[in-house]
N, C-alpha and C. Protein backbone atom coordinates (compact mmCIF):
# COMPACT_ATOMS: atom_id res chain seq x y z
N VAL A 1 -1.25 -9.64 0.43
CA VAL A 1 -1.31 -11.08 0.43
C VAL A 1 0.07 -11.60 0.77
N LEU A 2 0.15 -12.40 1.83
CA LEU A 2 1.44 -12.87 2.32
C LEU A 2 1.77 -14.30 1.92
N SER A 3 0.77 -15.06 1.47
CA SER A 3 1.04 -16.45 1.11
C SER A 3 0.36 -16.78 -0.21
N GLY A 4 0.64 -17.97 -0.69
CA GLY A 4 0.05 -18.40 -1.95
C GLY A 4 -1.24 -19.17 -1.79
N SER A 5 -1.90 -19.05 -0.63
CA SER A 5 -3.10 -19.84 -0.37
C SER A 5 -4.27 -19.49 -1.29
N MET A 6 -4.22 -18.35 -1.95
CA MET A 6 -5.31 -17.95 -2.85
C MET A 6 -4.91 -18.00 -4.32
N GLU A 7 -3.77 -18.63 -4.60
CA GLU A 7 -3.35 -18.80 -6.01
C GLU A 7 -4.40 -19.62 -6.73
N PRO A 8 -4.69 -19.39 -7.96
CA PRO A 8 -4.11 -18.42 -8.88
C PRO A 8 -4.84 -17.08 -8.91
N ASN A 9 -5.86 -16.91 -8.07
CA ASN A 9 -6.63 -15.66 -8.11
C ASN A 9 -5.90 -14.49 -7.48
N LEU A 10 -5.25 -14.73 -6.36
CA LEU A 10 -4.47 -13.69 -5.68
C LEU A 10 -3.06 -14.22 -5.50
N HIS A 11 -2.10 -13.32 -5.66
CA HIS A 11 -0.70 -13.71 -5.59
C HIS A 11 -0.02 -13.04 -4.40
N VAL A 12 1.07 -13.62 -3.96
CA VAL A 12 1.88 -13.02 -2.90
C VAL A 12 2.25 -11.61 -3.35
N ASN A 13 2.14 -10.67 -2.44
CA ASN A 13 2.44 -9.24 -2.63
C ASN A 13 1.33 -8.46 -3.32
N ASP A 14 0.19 -9.09 -3.61
CA ASP A 14 -0.96 -8.31 -4.09
C ASP A 14 -1.48 -7.49 -2.91
N PHE A 15 -2.03 -6.34 -3.20
CA PHE A 15 -2.65 -5.48 -2.19
C PHE A 15 -4.15 -5.56 -2.41
N VAL A 16 -4.88 -5.91 -1.37
CA VAL A 16 -6.32 -6.12 -1.48
C VAL A 16 -7.05 -5.03 -0.69
N LEU A 17 -7.94 -4.32 -1.37
CA LEU A 17 -8.81 -3.35 -0.70
C LEU A 17 -10.12 -4.06 -0.40
N VAL A 18 -10.62 -3.86 0.80
CA VAL A 18 -11.85 -4.52 1.22
C VAL A 18 -12.90 -3.49 1.61
N ALA A 19 -14.15 -3.92 1.51
CA ALA A 19 -15.27 -3.08 1.92
C ALA A 19 -16.24 -3.94 2.73
N ARG A 20 -16.71 -3.39 3.83
CA ARG A 20 -17.71 -4.10 4.62
C ARG A 20 -18.97 -4.27 3.77
N GLN A 21 -19.64 -5.39 3.99
CA GLN A 21 -20.86 -5.70 3.26
C GLN A 21 -21.99 -5.94 4.25
N GLU A 22 -23.21 -5.72 3.81
CA GLU A 22 -24.37 -6.05 4.62
C GLU A 22 -24.50 -7.57 4.75
N GLN A 23 -24.21 -8.24 3.64
CA GLN A 23 -24.30 -9.70 3.61
C GLN A 23 -23.12 -10.25 2.84
N TYR A 24 -22.77 -11.47 3.16
CA TYR A 24 -21.71 -12.17 2.45
C TYR A 24 -22.29 -13.44 1.86
N ALA A 25 -21.70 -13.90 0.76
CA ALA A 25 -22.21 -15.09 0.09
C ALA A 25 -21.08 -16.08 -0.15
N VAL A 26 -21.47 -17.34 -0.32
CA VAL A 26 -20.50 -18.36 -0.69
C VAL A 26 -19.83 -17.90 -1.99
N GLY A 27 -18.51 -17.99 -2.02
CA GLY A 27 -17.75 -17.56 -3.19
C GLY A 27 -17.07 -16.21 -3.01
N ASP A 28 -17.55 -15.41 -2.05
CA ASP A 28 -16.92 -14.11 -1.79
C ASP A 28 -15.51 -14.32 -1.22
N ILE A 29 -14.59 -13.50 -1.67
CA ILE A 29 -13.25 -13.47 -1.06
C ILE A 29 -13.31 -12.42 0.04
N VAL A 30 -13.01 -12.86 1.26
CA VAL A 30 -13.12 -11.97 2.42
C VAL A 30 -11.80 -11.90 3.17
N VAL A 31 -11.69 -10.87 3.97
CA VAL A 31 -10.54 -10.71 4.87
C VAL A 31 -11.08 -10.80 6.28
N TYR A 32 -10.43 -11.64 7.09
CA TYR A 32 -10.84 -11.75 8.48
C TYR A 32 -9.63 -11.76 9.38
N GLN A 33 -9.88 -11.42 10.64
CA GLN A 33 -8.83 -11.33 11.65
C GLN A 33 -8.66 -12.68 12.33
N GLU A 34 -7.40 -13.13 12.40
CA GLU A 34 -7.08 -14.35 13.16
C GLU A 34 -5.88 -14.00 14.02
N GLY A 35 -6.15 -13.71 15.28
CA GLY A 35 -5.07 -13.22 16.15
C GLY A 35 -4.62 -11.86 15.66
N ARG A 36 -3.33 -11.74 15.36
CA ARG A 36 -2.80 -10.47 14.84
C ARG A 36 -2.74 -10.45 13.32
N ASN A 37 -3.11 -11.58 12.69
CA ASN A 37 -3.00 -11.71 11.24
C ASN A 37 -4.33 -11.45 10.55
N LEU A 38 -4.22 -10.90 9.35
CA LEU A 38 -5.38 -10.77 8.48
C LEU A 38 -5.28 -11.88 7.43
N ILE A 39 -6.34 -12.63 7.28
CA ILE A 39 -6.39 -13.76 6.36
C ILE A 39 -7.31 -13.41 5.19
N VAL A 40 -6.86 -13.72 3.99
CA VAL A 40 -7.67 -13.49 2.78
C VAL A 40 -8.02 -14.87 2.21
N HIS A 41 -9.30 -15.27 2.38
CA HIS A 41 -9.76 -16.57 1.87
C HIS A 41 -11.17 -16.42 1.33
N ARG A 42 -11.61 -17.46 0.65
CA ARG A 42 -12.93 -17.48 0.04
C ARG A 42 -13.94 -18.17 0.97
N ILE A 43 -15.16 -17.65 1.03
CA ILE A 43 -16.22 -18.29 1.81
C ILE A 43 -16.67 -19.55 1.07
N VAL A 44 -16.64 -20.68 1.79
CA VAL A 44 -17.09 -21.94 1.19
C VAL A 44 -18.42 -22.42 1.78
N SER A 45 -18.77 -21.89 2.97
CA SER A 45 -20.09 -22.22 3.51
C SER A 45 -20.49 -21.19 4.56
N LEU A 46 -21.81 -21.01 4.67
CA LEU A 46 -22.41 -20.09 5.65
C LEU A 46 -23.42 -20.88 6.47
N SER A 47 -23.41 -20.62 7.77
CA SER A 47 -24.40 -21.26 8.64
C SER A 47 -24.72 -20.29 9.77
N GLY A 48 -25.72 -19.45 9.55
CA GLY A 48 -26.08 -18.44 10.54
C GLY A 48 -24.96 -17.44 10.73
N GLU A 49 -24.42 -17.37 11.95
CA GLU A 49 -23.33 -16.45 12.26
C GLU A 49 -21.95 -17.09 12.10
N SER A 50 -21.92 -18.32 11.60
CA SER A 50 -20.67 -19.05 11.41
C SER A 50 -20.35 -19.14 9.92
N ILE A 51 -19.10 -18.85 9.61
CA ILE A 51 -18.65 -18.87 8.22
C ILE A 51 -17.42 -19.75 8.12
N THR A 52 -17.38 -20.56 7.08
CA THR A 52 -16.20 -21.38 6.82
C THR A 52 -15.53 -20.84 5.56
N THR A 53 -14.23 -20.64 5.65
CA THR A 53 -13.45 -20.14 4.51
C THR A 53 -12.41 -21.18 4.13
N GLN A 54 -11.84 -20.96 2.96
CA GLN A 54 -10.77 -21.84 2.50
C GLN A 54 -9.97 -21.09 1.44
N GLY A 55 -8.67 -21.25 1.50
CA GLY A 55 -7.83 -20.70 0.45
C GLY A 55 -8.01 -21.51 -0.82
N ASP A 56 -8.05 -20.84 -1.97
CA ASP A 56 -8.27 -21.54 -3.24
C ASP A 56 -7.23 -22.62 -3.48
N ALA A 57 -6.02 -22.44 -3.01
CA ALA A 57 -4.94 -23.41 -3.22
C ALA A 57 -4.85 -24.44 -2.09
N ASN A 58 -5.70 -24.30 -1.08
CA ASN A 58 -5.67 -25.21 0.07
C ASN A 58 -6.60 -26.40 -0.16
N ASP A 59 -6.22 -27.55 0.39
CA ASP A 59 -7.02 -28.76 0.24
C ASP A 59 -8.15 -28.88 1.25
N ILE A 60 -7.98 -28.23 2.40
CA ILE A 60 -8.99 -28.36 3.45
C ILE A 60 -9.48 -26.97 3.88
N PRO A 61 -10.72 -26.90 4.33
CA PRO A 61 -11.25 -25.61 4.79
C PRO A 61 -10.63 -25.18 6.11
N ASP A 62 -10.77 -23.90 6.40
CA ASP A 62 -10.30 -23.35 7.66
C ASP A 62 -11.29 -23.69 8.77
N VAL A 63 -10.88 -23.46 9.99
CA VAL A 63 -11.78 -23.60 11.13
C VAL A 63 -12.86 -22.52 10.98
N PRO A 64 -14.13 -22.86 11.20
CA PRO A 64 -15.19 -21.86 11.07
C PRO A 64 -14.93 -20.64 11.96
N ILE A 65 -15.33 -19.48 11.46
CA ILE A 65 -15.16 -18.22 12.19
C ILE A 65 -16.51 -17.55 12.36
N ALA A 66 -16.56 -16.58 13.25
CA ALA A 66 -17.78 -15.80 13.45
C ALA A 66 -17.88 -14.72 12.37
N LEU A 67 -19.07 -14.42 11.98
CA LEU A 67 -19.33 -13.36 11.01
C LEU A 67 -18.68 -12.06 11.44
N SER A 68 -18.64 -11.80 12.73
CA SER A 68 -18.08 -10.55 13.26
C SER A 68 -16.56 -10.45 13.04
N ASP A 69 -15.90 -11.58 12.76
CA ASP A 69 -14.46 -11.56 12.52
C ASP A 69 -14.10 -11.04 11.12
N ILE A 70 -15.09 -10.99 10.24
CA ILE A 70 -14.83 -10.56 8.87
C ILE A 70 -14.68 -9.05 8.82
N LYS A 71 -13.59 -8.61 8.21
CA LYS A 71 -13.31 -7.18 8.05
C LYS A 71 -14.00 -6.63 6.81
N GLY A 72 -14.15 -7.46 5.78
CA GLY A 72 -14.81 -7.01 4.57
C GLY A 72 -14.54 -7.94 3.40
N LYS A 73 -15.19 -7.63 2.29
CA LYS A 73 -15.07 -8.39 1.06
C LYS A 73 -14.02 -7.73 0.18
N ALA A 74 -13.22 -8.54 -0.50
CA ALA A 74 -12.21 -8.01 -1.42
C ALA A 74 -12.93 -7.35 -2.60
N VAL A 75 -12.64 -6.08 -2.83
CA VAL A 75 -13.29 -5.36 -3.94
C VAL A 75 -12.29 -4.93 -5.01
N VAL A 76 -11.05 -4.71 -4.64
CA VAL A 76 -10.02 -4.31 -5.59
C VAL A 76 -8.72 -5.00 -5.21
N THR A 77 -8.02 -5.50 -6.22
CA THR A 77 -6.70 -6.09 -6.00
C THR A 77 -5.70 -5.34 -6.86
N ILE A 78 -4.60 -4.90 -6.23
CA ILE A 78 -3.55 -4.18 -6.95
C ILE A 78 -2.28 -5.02 -6.85
N PRO A 79 -1.83 -5.56 -7.98
CA PRO A 79 -0.63 -6.41 -7.96
C PRO A 79 0.61 -5.68 -7.46
N PHE A 80 1.46 -6.38 -6.73
CA PHE A 80 2.79 -5.96 -6.28
C PHE A 80 2.81 -4.86 -5.21
N VAL A 81 1.75 -4.11 -5.03
CA VAL A 81 1.77 -2.98 -4.11
C VAL A 81 1.99 -3.44 -2.67
N GLY A 82 1.47 -4.60 -2.32
CA GLY A 82 1.67 -5.12 -0.97
C GLY A 82 3.13 -5.35 -0.65
N GLY A 83 3.88 -5.84 -1.62
CA GLY A 83 5.32 -6.05 -1.43
C GLY A 83 6.05 -4.74 -1.23
N ILE A 84 5.66 -3.74 -1.98
CA ILE A 84 6.28 -2.41 -1.84
C ILE A 84 5.98 -1.84 -0.47
N LEU A 85 4.73 -1.93 -0.04
CA LEU A 85 4.36 -1.41 1.27
C LEU A 85 5.08 -2.15 2.40
N ARG A 86 5.20 -3.47 2.24
CA ARG A 86 5.91 -4.25 3.26
C ARG A 86 7.39 -3.84 3.31
N PHE A 87 7.99 -3.60 2.13
CA PHE A 87 9.39 -3.16 2.10
C PHE A 87 9.55 -1.80 2.78
N LEU A 88 8.60 -0.90 2.57
CA LEU A 88 8.70 0.43 3.17
C LEU A 88 8.61 0.39 4.69
N LYS A 89 8.10 -0.70 5.24
CA LYS A 89 8.03 -0.85 6.70
C LYS A 89 9.34 -1.36 7.30
N THR A 90 10.26 -1.80 6.45
CA THR A 90 11.56 -2.26 6.95
C THR A 90 12.43 -1.05 7.23
N PRO A 91 13.49 -1.19 8.05
CA PRO A 91 14.38 -0.05 8.30
C PRO A 91 14.98 0.52 7.01
N LEU A 92 15.44 -0.35 6.11
CA LEU A 92 16.00 0.14 4.85
C LEU A 92 14.96 0.85 4.01
N GLY A 93 13.77 0.26 3.91
CA GLY A 93 12.69 0.89 3.14
C GLY A 93 12.31 2.24 3.71
N PHE A 94 12.22 2.32 5.04
CA PHE A 94 11.88 3.58 5.68
C PHE A 94 12.94 4.64 5.40
N MET A 95 14.21 4.24 5.48
CA MET A 95 15.30 5.20 5.22
C MET A 95 15.28 5.66 3.76
N LEU A 96 15.02 4.75 2.84
CA LEU A 96 14.94 5.14 1.43
C LEU A 96 13.76 6.07 1.17
N MET A 97 12.63 5.79 1.83
CA MET A 97 11.47 6.66 1.68
C MET A 97 11.76 8.05 2.25
N LEU A 98 12.42 8.09 3.40
CA LEU A 98 12.79 9.35 4.02
C LEU A 98 13.77 10.12 3.14
N ALA A 99 14.76 9.43 2.60
CA ALA A 99 15.74 10.08 1.72
C ALA A 99 15.04 10.62 0.47
N GLY A 100 14.11 9.85 -0.07
CA GLY A 100 13.36 10.31 -1.25
C GLY A 100 12.54 11.55 -0.94
N ALA A 101 11.93 11.59 0.24
CA ALA A 101 11.15 12.77 0.63
C ALA A 101 12.04 13.99 0.76
N VAL A 102 13.21 13.81 1.36
CA VAL A 102 14.16 14.93 1.50
C VAL A 102 14.56 15.44 0.13
N VAL A 103 14.88 14.54 -0.77
CA VAL A 103 15.27 14.94 -2.13
C VAL A 103 14.13 15.69 -2.80
N LEU A 104 12.91 15.19 -2.68
CA LEU A 104 11.77 15.85 -3.31
C LEU A 104 11.53 17.25 -2.76
N PHE A 105 11.78 17.45 -1.46
CA PHE A 105 11.61 18.78 -0.88
C PHE A 105 12.79 19.69 -1.18
N GLU A 106 13.96 19.13 -1.34
CA GLU A 106 15.16 19.93 -1.58
C GLU A 106 15.28 20.41 -3.02
N ILE A 107 14.77 19.67 -3.97
CA ILE A 107 14.90 20.06 -5.38
C ILE A 107 14.31 21.44 -5.64
N PRO A 108 13.08 21.74 -5.23
CA PRO A 108 12.55 23.10 -5.47
C PRO A 108 13.36 24.16 -4.73
N HIS A 109 13.80 23.85 -3.50
CA HIS A 109 14.61 24.80 -2.74
C HIS A 109 15.92 25.09 -3.47
N TYR A 110 16.57 24.05 -3.97
CA TYR A 110 17.82 24.20 -4.71
C TYR A 110 17.61 25.03 -5.96
N ARG A 111 16.52 24.81 -6.67
CA ARG A 111 16.22 25.58 -7.89
C ARG A 111 15.99 27.05 -7.57
N ARG A 112 15.23 27.33 -6.50
CA ARG A 112 14.99 28.73 -6.11
C ARG A 112 16.29 29.41 -5.71
N LYS A 113 17.13 28.68 -4.96
CA LYS A 113 18.41 29.23 -4.53
C LYS A 113 19.30 29.53 -5.74
N LYS A 114 19.34 28.63 -6.69
CA LYS A 114 20.14 28.81 -7.90
C LYS A 114 19.62 30.00 -8.71
N GLN A 115 18.29 30.13 -8.82
CA GLN A 115 17.69 31.24 -9.54
C GLN A 115 17.99 32.56 -8.84
N ALA A 116 17.91 32.58 -7.51
CA ALA A 116 18.21 33.81 -6.76
C ALA A 116 19.67 34.20 -6.95
N ALA A 117 20.57 33.23 -6.95
CA ALA A 117 21.99 33.53 -7.17
C ALA A 117 22.21 34.09 -8.57
N ALA A 118 21.53 33.55 -9.55
CA ALA A 118 21.66 34.05 -10.92
C ALA A 118 21.13 35.48 -11.02
N GLU A 119 20.02 35.75 -10.32
CA GLU A 119 19.47 37.11 -10.33
C GLU A 119 20.42 38.09 -9.64
N GLN A 120 21.05 37.67 -8.54
CA GLN A 120 22.02 38.53 -7.86
C GLN A 120 23.23 38.80 -8.75
N ASP A 121 23.70 37.79 -9.45
CA ASP A 121 24.82 37.99 -10.37
C ASP A 121 24.44 38.98 -11.47
N ALA A 122 23.23 38.87 -11.99
CA ALA A 122 22.78 39.79 -13.03
C ALA A 122 22.72 41.21 -12.50
N ILE A 123 22.25 41.38 -11.27
CA ILE A 123 22.18 42.72 -10.66
C ILE A 123 23.59 43.27 -10.45
N ARG A 124 24.51 42.43 -9.97
CA ARG A 124 25.90 42.87 -9.79
C ARG A 124 26.52 43.32 -11.10
N ARG A 125 26.29 42.55 -12.18
CA ARG A 125 26.82 42.93 -13.48
C ARG A 125 26.24 44.25 -13.95
N GLU A 126 24.94 44.44 -13.69
CA GLU A 126 24.29 45.69 -14.10
C GLU A 126 24.86 46.86 -13.30
N ILE A 127 25.09 46.65 -12.00
CA ILE A 127 25.67 47.72 -11.16
C ILE A 127 27.08 48.06 -11.66
N GLU A 128 27.87 47.05 -11.94
CA GLU A 128 29.23 47.28 -12.47
C GLU A 128 29.17 48.03 -13.78
N GLN A 129 28.21 47.67 -14.62
CA GLN A 129 28.06 48.36 -15.91
C GLN A 129 27.69 49.82 -15.69
N LEU A 130 26.81 50.08 -14.74
CA LEU A 130 26.40 51.46 -14.45
C LEU A 130 27.56 52.26 -13.86
N ARG A 131 28.42 51.66 -13.04
CA ARG A 131 29.57 52.34 -12.47
C ARG A 131 30.57 52.75 -13.54
N LYS A 132 30.70 51.90 -14.56
CA LYS A 132 31.64 52.18 -15.63
C LYS A 132 31.18 53.36 -16.47
N ASN A 133 29.88 53.61 -16.56
CA ASN A 133 29.36 54.70 -17.39
C ASN A 133 29.37 55.96 -16.64
């Protein structure tokens, strides 16, 4: 969710999962395509293949859209996740995600390397002990 048009039900940075439906009803919160943008608004009227939506915080309805423009009905909302995902798409977010992945992959490697070095030291000490006897 990128704007406050659906306040107080949906907030900026909420992540909305949608599912296609066989039918839609007045009151459903739907996601539809408008140019390159995805819009999350509530259906306020249905007329055949034409649907009118409106943001809960908006005073006027949107321009009617075709039923085929609807991507699906909102079924799950996860607070704040949208903001995190949007941040990860930025250059800084991508670099931090990449750095985190490297760290996560390096930790087990570092532990194995440290364990192997400890085992080698133990073997060296044992060999030295055997040489002394």
